[in-house]
Amino acid sequence: MALRAKYIAAFGSACYTSEPSVFGDSTFNCFYKTIDKACKDAALIGEVSGNAPYDKGYTCQPVAGTDDYTLQIGPDVANSLPVRYRDAPRQTPLVVVDGVPVEVSGPYRDLVDPVEVAPGYEFDGNSGIGDGDGGSLEQREWVLAVNRKKNKGEIRSDLAGFKFPCKKGEPAICTEPDFLEDPDAEERSPFFADTVAQVHHVVPRKDKRCCPWGTNSYENAAVISAKLNRHFTNNDPPAEEVKRLNDAAAYTP
């Protein structure tokens, strides 16, 4: 884990642990959009890992008949690193909590998922629950309805009391309110944009590379304010958030 942290600190969001493949294995690696950036960072692996720095002055060379490259890192041509061309796998949706990767299982976990559940999907699918007018509620609408039922017609944040920076890079701390504005209410306060209830993807719908990541499964849903939702956008879920949501009692449909 310490070595992985070094790579992430040096190379950023390019480095991550992938979700398990069909063979059940999950790997940590770095994936790049361009060969130039991949080769530039590959040349720094020795230094970043704490081992001997690689020899400088070498450039990536194409491997004949493939889309792969190699980077020589020492005087012996056999001393080289492979830089392979592959589709980048999905980042694992597991979140490290207290040193252990855990699955997100939020308070809406007992709701029955729709037929179509996939990474990157919004909570706008057909819930299969009637809306009273001959149609069906969207997932988002169903989650909010379940929340209202539990809270006597009001919408309560699933992360009430959660503290977070009001603005990135500034010291001021905001606190998530207990109850939120109802997005379907006829009357809205002047601060509606910040306090309106939204259905949040705990594992974000898109990762830091803007690739599909979190799914529209109900276990990945939480109701929070728009302000807190913006704070979480495309960031790895903090352990505190996941612990609170996983420990929360499940809503009854």
Protein backbone atom coordinates (compact mmCIF):
# COMPACT_ATOMS: atom_id res chain seq x y z
CA MET A 1 0.00 0.00 0.00
CA ALA A 2 2.88 2.38 0.78
CA LEU A 3 4.41 1.87 -2.67
CA ARG A 4 1.05 2.42 -4.33
CA ALA A 5 0.70 5.67 -2.42
CA LYS A 6 4.08 6.80 -3.78
CA TYR A 7 3.01 6.12 -7.36
CA ILE A 8 -0.31 7.93 -6.90
CA ALA A 9 1.45 10.92 -5.31
CA ALA A 10 3.93 11.10 -8.21
CA PHE A 11 1.75 10.16 -11.18
CA GLY A 12 -1.73 11.16 -10.04
CA SER A 13 -5.02 9.68 -11.20
CA ALA A 14 -3.34 7.61 -13.94
CA CYS A 15 -2.53 5.03 -11.26
CA TYR A 16 -5.26 2.96 -9.64
CA THR A 17 -6.41 -0.53 -8.71
CA SER A 18 -8.65 -2.11 -11.32
CA GLU A 19 -11.83 -4.03 -10.61
CA PRO A 20 -11.43 -7.83 -10.66
CA SER A 21 -11.34 -9.39 -14.12
CA VAL A 22 -13.36 -12.43 -15.17
CA PHE A 23 -10.54 -14.47 -13.64
CA GLY A 24 -11.01 -12.76 -10.27
CA ASP A 25 -7.70 -10.88 -10.25
CA SER A 26 -7.37 -7.18 -9.49
CA THR A 27 -4.20 -5.27 -10.34
CA PHE A 28 -2.62 -1.92 -9.55
CA ASN A 29 -1.17 -0.17 -12.58
CA CYS A 30 -0.89 3.18 -14.32
CA PHE A 31 -2.82 3.91 -17.52
CA TYR A 32 -2.22 6.82 -19.88
CA LYS A 33 -3.93 8.39 -22.86
CA THR A 34 -0.67 9.17 -24.68
CA ILE A 35 2.54 7.21 -25.16
CA ASP A 36 4.62 10.34 -24.46
CA LYS A 37 3.24 10.75 -20.95
CA ALA A 38 3.44 7.00 -20.28
CA CYS A 39 7.11 6.92 -21.23
CA LYS A 40 7.94 10.09 -19.31
CA ASP A 41 6.51 8.65 -16.09
CA ALA A 42 7.94 5.16 -16.70
CA ALA A 43 11.43 6.69 -16.70
CA LEU A 44 10.81 7.90 -13.13
CA ILE A 45 9.67 4.59 -11.63
CA GLY A 46 13.07 3.71 -10.19
CA GLU A 47 13.37 7.05 -8.43
CA VAL A 48 9.74 7.18 -7.23
CA SER A 49 9.82 3.62 -5.88
CA GLY A 50 12.87 4.40 -3.75
CA ASN A 51 15.18 2.17 -5.76
CA ALA A 52 18.10 3.29 -7.90
CA PRO A 53 17.09 5.90 -10.50
CA TYR A 54 17.01 4.65 -14.07
CA ASP A 55 19.66 5.78 -16.52
CA LYS A 56 18.56 8.86 -18.42
CA GLY A 57 18.70 9.67 -22.10
CA TYR A 58 16.68 6.72 -23.40
CA THR A 59 13.38 7.04 -25.22
CA CYS A 60 10.55 4.60 -25.81
CA GLN A 61 10.95 2.43 -28.88
CA PRO A 62 8.10 0.70 -30.74
CA VAL A 63 7.88 -3.08 -30.69
CA ALA A 64 7.62 -4.25 -34.28
CA GLY A 65 4.25 -5.64 -35.29
CA THR A 66 2.47 -4.36 -32.16
CA ASP A 67 1.21 -1.15 -30.58
CA ASP A 68 3.54 -1.69 -27.61
CA TYR A 69 6.78 0.07 -26.70
CA THR A 70 9.84 -0.63 -24.58
CA LEU A 71 11.92 1.80 -22.55
CA GLN A 72 15.59 1.00 -22.01
CA ILE A 73 16.63 1.92 -18.46
CA GLY A 74 20.29 0.86 -18.39
CA PRO A 75 23.30 0.26 -20.65
CA ASP A 76 22.25 -3.34 -21.33
CA VAL A 77 19.53 -3.41 -23.99
CA ALA A 78 17.92 -6.28 -22.10
CA ASN A 79 17.39 -3.96 -19.16
CA SER A 80 14.12 -2.40 -20.28
CA LEU A 81 10.53 -1.79 -19.25
CA PRO A 82 7.50 -2.77 -21.34
CA VAL A 83 4.95 -0.04 -22.08
CA ARG A 84 1.90 -1.91 -23.33
CA TYR A 85 -1.07 -0.64 -25.31
CA ARG A 86 -4.27 -1.84 -23.64
CA ASP A 87 -7.79 -0.69 -22.90
CA ALA A 88 -7.78 0.83 -19.42
CA PRO A 89 -9.94 -1.26 -17.06
CA ARG A 90 -12.56 0.20 -14.77
CA GLN A 91 -11.25 1.39 -11.43
CA THR A 92 -12.34 -0.85 -8.58
CA PRO A 93 -15.51 0.42 -6.88
CA LEU A 94 -14.23 -0.88 -3.54
CA VAL A 95 -13.26 1.83 -1.06
CA VAL A 96 -10.44 1.41 1.44
CA VAL A 97 -11.81 1.82 4.97
CA ASP A 98 -9.45 1.25 7.90
CA GLY A 99 -6.99 -0.40 5.53
CA VAL A 100 -9.54 -2.84 4.08
CA PRO A 101 -11.26 -2.53 0.65
CA VAL A 102 -15.02 -2.59 1.25
CA GLU A 103 -18.07 -2.53 -0.99
CA VAL A 104 -20.42 0.44 -0.73
CA SER A 105 -23.77 -0.69 0.67
CA GLY A 106 -25.74 2.44 1.50
CA PRO A 107 -29.12 2.90 3.20
CA TYR A 108 -31.17 2.21 0.02
CA ARG A 109 -29.65 -1.25 -0.40
CA ASP A 110 -32.98 -3.03 0.18
CA LEU A 111 -34.65 -1.37 -2.82
CA VAL A 112 -34.88 -3.65 -5.84
CA ASP A 113 -32.52 -2.52 -8.60
CA PRO A 114 -33.85 -1.84 -12.11
CA VAL A 115 -33.03 -4.17 -14.98
CA GLU A 116 -30.32 -1.88 -16.35
CA VAL A 117 -27.55 -1.22 -13.83
CA ALA A 118 -24.15 -0.19 -15.16
CA PRO A 119 -21.15 2.05 -14.45
CA GLY A 120 -21.77 5.66 -15.43
CA TYR A 121 -25.57 5.44 -15.40
CA GLU A 122 -27.64 8.23 -13.82
CA PHE A 123 -30.40 7.51 -11.32
CA ASP A 124 -32.96 8.19 -14.03
CA GLY A 125 -33.89 4.64 -14.97
CA ASN A 126 -37.36 3.17 -14.61
CA SER A 127 -37.78 2.09 -10.99
CA GLY A 128 -40.72 -0.16 -11.81
CA ILE A 129 -42.76 1.67 -9.15
CA GLY A 130 -46.00 3.29 -10.29
CA ASP A 131 -46.31 7.06 -10.03
CA GLY A 132 -50.10 7.03 -9.53
CA ASP A 133 -50.77 8.48 -12.98
CA GLY A 134 -50.25 5.39 -15.07
CA GLY A 135 -46.50 5.89 -15.41
CA SER A 136 -43.46 4.88 -13.39
CA LEU A 137 -41.16 6.75 -11.05
CA GLU A 138 -37.56 7.30 -12.01
CA GLN A 139 -35.02 5.82 -9.61
CA ARG A 140 -34.26 9.28 -8.22
CA GLU A 141 -37.94 9.91 -7.55
CA TRP A 142 -38.34 6.53 -5.85
CA VAL A 143 -35.34 7.11 -3.56
CA LEU A 144 -36.70 10.51 -2.50
CA ALA A 145 -40.17 9.03 -1.94
CA VAL A 146 -38.70 6.34 0.33
CA ASN A 147 -36.76 9.01 2.24
CA ARG A 148 -39.91 11.14 2.69
CA LYS A 149 -41.87 8.14 3.94
CA LYS A 150 -39.27 7.50 6.63
CA ASN A 151 -39.08 11.15 7.69
CA LYS A 152 -42.77 12.13 7.91
CA GLY A 153 -42.91 13.86 4.55
CA GLU A 154 -39.60 15.70 4.83
CA ILE A 155 -36.30 14.83 3.17
CA ARG A 156 -33.43 14.11 5.54
CA SER A 157 -29.80 14.06 4.46
CA ASP A 158 -28.18 10.65 4.78
CA LEU A 159 -24.99 12.47 5.82
CA ALA A 160 -26.50 14.99 8.24
CA GLY A 161 -23.74 16.66 10.26
CA PHE A 162 -20.98 15.71 7.79
CA LYS A 163 -18.27 18.38 7.75
CA PHE A 164 -16.49 19.44 4.59
CA PRO A 165 -14.62 22.47 3.15
CA CYS A 166 -17.06 25.17 2.04
CA LYS A 167 -14.73 26.00 -0.85
CA LYS A 168 -11.75 24.10 -2.18
CA GLY A 169 -8.49 25.38 -0.77
CA GLU A 170 -10.12 27.56 1.89
CA PRO A 171 -10.20 26.90 5.66
CA ALA A 172 -13.93 27.51 6.23
CA ILE A 173 -15.84 24.33 7.10
CA CYS A 174 -19.48 23.68 6.22
CA THR A 175 -21.82 21.24 7.94
CA GLU A 176 -24.40 19.19 6.07
CA PRO A 177 -27.90 20.15 7.34
CA ASP A 178 -30.28 17.60 8.83
CA PHE A 179 -33.16 18.34 6.47
CA LEU A 180 -33.04 19.43 2.85
CA GLU A 181 -35.17 21.35 0.38
CA ASP A 182 -37.57 19.13 -1.52
CA PRO A 183 -36.79 19.42 -5.27
CA ASP A 184 -40.46 18.74 -6.02
CA ALA A 185 -41.82 21.38 -3.62
CA GLU A 186 -43.76 24.28 -5.11
CA GLU A 187 -42.08 26.84 -2.83
CA ARG A 188 -38.30 27.06 -2.73
CA SER A 189 -35.99 29.13 -0.54
CA PRO A 190 -33.50 31.66 -1.97
CA PHE A 191 -30.72 29.19 -1.12
CA PHE A 192 -32.37 26.36 -2.99
CA ALA A 193 -29.29 25.68 -5.15
CA ASP A 194 -27.18 24.64 -2.15
CA THR A 195 -29.75 22.98 0.09
CA VAL A 196 -31.85 21.04 -2.41
CA ALA A 197 -31.86 17.27 -1.96
CA GLN A 198 -30.04 15.29 -4.64
CA VAL A 199 -29.52 11.56 -5.13
CA HIS A 200 -25.77 11.13 -4.99
CA HIS A 201 -23.56 8.36 -6.40
CA VAL A 202 -21.38 7.34 -3.44
CA VAL A 203 -18.85 5.85 -5.83
CA PRO A 204 -19.00 8.73 -8.33
CA ARG A 205 -20.62 8.11 -11.70
CA LYS A 206 -17.35 9.20 -13.37
CA ASP A 207 -13.83 8.77 -12.02
CA LYS A 208 -11.05 11.38 -12.09
CA ARG A 209 -10.35 10.47 -15.71
CA CYS A 210 -14.06 11.00 -16.55
CA CYS A 211 -14.47 7.28 -17.29
CA PRO A 212 -17.61 5.39 -16.16
CA TRP A 213 -17.18 4.25 -12.56
CA GLY A 214 -20.04 4.18 -10.05
CA THR A 215 -23.28 2.43 -10.98
CA ASN A 216 -26.95 3.32 -10.56
CA SER A 217 -27.50 0.46 -8.12
CA TYR A 218 -29.50 1.60 -5.10
CA GLU A 219 -26.74 0.43 -2.76
CA ASN A 220 -24.61 3.19 -4.33
CA ALA A 221 -27.22 5.90 -3.62
CA ALA A 222 -27.40 8.50 -0.87
CA VAL A 223 -29.54 11.60 -0.44
CA ILE A 224 -27.45 14.69 0.30
CA SER A 225 -27.47 18.43 -0.40
CA ALA A 226 -26.44 19.83 -3.76
CA LYS A 227 -23.56 21.65 -2.06
CA LEU A 228 -22.11 18.46 -0.56
CA ASN A 229 -22.72 16.61 -3.82
CA ARG A 230 -20.62 19.19 -5.68
CA HIS A 231 -17.86 18.74 -3.10
CA PHE A 232 -17.77 14.98 -3.77
CA THR A 233 -17.89 15.24 -7.59
CA ASN A 234 -15.47 12.82 -9.32
CA ASN A 235 -13.40 12.38 -6.15
CA ASP A 236 -12.65 9.07 -4.46
CA PRO A 237 -15.23 8.56 -1.70
CA PRO A 238 -13.79 9.41 1.73
CA ALA A 239 -13.71 6.54 4.20
CA GLU A 240 -15.85 8.48 6.69
CA GLU A 241 -18.66 8.81 4.14
CA VAL A 242 -18.64 5.11 3.28
CA LYS A 243 -18.49 4.02 6.94
CA ARG A 244 -21.48 6.18 7.84
CA LEU A 245 -23.60 5.07 4.92
CA ASN A 246 -22.74 1.38 5.28
CA ASP A 247 -23.54 1.54 9.01
CA ALA A 248 -26.86 3.32 8.45
CA ALA A 249 -30.08 1.36 8.88
CA ALA A 250 -31.62 0.31 5.59
CA TYR A 251 -34.70 2.19 4.42
CA THR A 252 -37.88 0.16 4.10
CA PRO A 253 -39.44 0.44 0.63
